[in-house]
Amino acid sequence: MTATVSAEPARARAVLSNQDFKLLQEAVVFYIKAHEDDPATSKYVNLHHRLSSAGRR
């Protein structure tokens, strides 16, 4: 008995659901509001923007 090998790679599956993106967005907004004076907050603002655009796909 021989095994059949497929030439096509397995289909990629989503790691995060749309609900996960919403939860992450809320957590990031909470962090941004709590750390408004921190210079590193701009990184979290950028993350929030990326999560927002990824969640709409």
C-alpha atoms as a PDB file:
ATOM      1  CA  MET A   1       0.000   0.000   0.000  1.00  0.00           C
ATOM      2  CA  THR A   2       1.421   3.399  -0.959  1.00  0.00           C
ATOM      3  CA  ALA A   3       0.482   6.820   0.381  1.00  0.00           C
ATOM      4  CA  THR A   4      -0.583   9.532  -2.032  1.00  0.00           C
ATOM      5  CA  VAL A   5       1.331  12.793  -1.639  1.00  0.00           C
ATOM      6  CA  SER A   6      -0.415  15.994  -2.670  1.00  0.00           C
ATOM      7  CA  ALA A   7       1.626  18.600  -4.554  1.00  0.00           C
ATOM      8  CA  GLU A   8      -0.519  21.424  -3.150  1.00  0.00           C
ATOM      9  CA  PRO A   9       0.144  22.845   0.315  1.00  0.00           C
ATOM     10  CA  ALA A  10      -2.570  22.631   2.927  1.00  0.00           C
ATOM     11  CA  ARG A  11      -4.963  25.583   2.973  1.00  0.00           C
ATOM     12  CA  ALA A  12      -4.062  28.244   5.542  1.00  0.00           C
ATOM     13  CA  ARG A  13      -6.528  28.683   8.386  1.00  0.00           C
ATOM     14  CA  ALA A  14      -7.299  31.867  10.270  1.00  0.00           C
ATOM     15  CA  VAL A  15      -5.612  32.040  13.645  1.00  0.00           C
ATOM     16  CA  LEU A  16      -7.786  34.838  15.046  1.00  0.00           C
ATOM     17  CA  SER A  17     -11.500  35.377  14.602  1.00  0.00           C
ATOM     18  CA  ASN A  18     -13.171  38.731  14.023  1.00  0.00           C
ATOM     19  CA  GLN A  19     -14.265  38.637  17.676  1.00  0.00           C
ATOM     20  CA  ASP A  20     -10.624  38.212  18.716  1.00  0.00           C
ATOM     21  CA  PHE A  21      -9.671  41.336  16.758  1.00  0.00           C
ATOM     22  CA  LYS A  22     -12.445  43.270  18.518  1.00  0.00           C
ATOM     23  CA  LEU A  23     -11.230  42.136  21.955  1.00  0.00           C
ATOM     24  CA  LEU A  24      -7.636  43.035  21.119  1.00  0.00           C
ATOM     25  CA  GLN A  25      -8.730  46.452  19.845  1.00  0.00           C
ATOM     26  CA  GLU A  26     -10.580  47.144  23.104  1.00  0.00           C
ATOM     27  CA  ALA A  27      -7.553  46.096  25.167  1.00  0.00           C
ATOM     28  CA  VAL A  28      -5.228  48.299  23.121  1.00  0.00           C
ATOM     29  CA  VAL A  29      -7.592  51.294  23.437  1.00  0.00           C
ATOM     30  CA  PHE A  30      -7.664  50.762  27.209  1.00  0.00           C
ATOM     31  CA  TYR A  31      -3.851  50.734  27.280  1.00  0.00           C
ATOM     32  CA  ILE A  32      -3.607  53.851  25.103  1.00  0.00           C
ATOM     33  CA  LYS A  33      -5.955  55.783  27.380  1.00  0.00           C
ATOM     34  CA  ALA A  34      -4.108  54.666  30.515  1.00  0.00           C
ATOM     35  CA  HIS A  35      -0.672  55.579  29.113  1.00  0.00           C
ATOM     36  CA  GLU A  36      -1.335  58.734  27.100  1.00  0.00           C
ATOM     37  CA  ASP A  37       1.837  60.443  28.352  1.00  0.00           C
ATOM     38  CA  ASP A  38       4.168  57.566  27.476  1.00  0.00           C
ATOM     39  CA  PRO A  39       6.155  58.145  24.257  1.00  0.00           C
ATOM     40  CA  ALA A  40       5.888  54.433  23.417  1.00  0.00           C
ATOM     41  CA  THR A  41       2.092  54.779  23.149  1.00  0.00           C
ATOM     42  CA  SER A  42       2.454  55.669  19.468  1.00  0.00           C
ATOM     43  CA  LYS A  43       3.400  52.029  18.835  1.00  0.00           C
ATOM     44  CA  TYR A  44       0.091  50.955  20.377  1.00  0.00           C
ATOM     45  CA  VAL A  45      -1.807  53.508  18.301  1.00  0.00           C
ATOM     46  CA  ASN A  46      -0.234  51.974  15.190  1.00  0.00           C
ATOM     47  CA  LEU A  47      -1.140  48.483  16.435  1.00  0.00           C
ATOM     48  CA  HIS A  48      -4.734  49.592  16.965  1.00  0.00           C
ATOM     49  CA  HIS A  49      -4.827  50.898  13.408  1.00  0.00           C
ATOM     50  CA  ARG A  50      -3.506  47.590  12.019  1.00  0.00           C
ATOM     51  CA  LEU A  51      -6.011  45.583  14.076  1.00  0.00           C
ATOM     52  CA  SER A  52      -8.822  47.780  12.804  1.00  0.00           C
ATOM     53  CA  SER A  53      -7.899  47.229   9.175  1.00  0.00           C
ATOM     54  CA  ALA A  54      -7.295  43.495   9.652  1.00  0.00           C
ATOM     55  CA  GLY A  55     -10.623  42.985  11.400  1.00  0.00           C
ATOM     56  CA  ARG A  56     -12.533  44.372   8.412  1.00  0.00           C
ATOM     57  CA  ARG A  57     -11.206  41.728   5.993  1.00  0.00           C
END
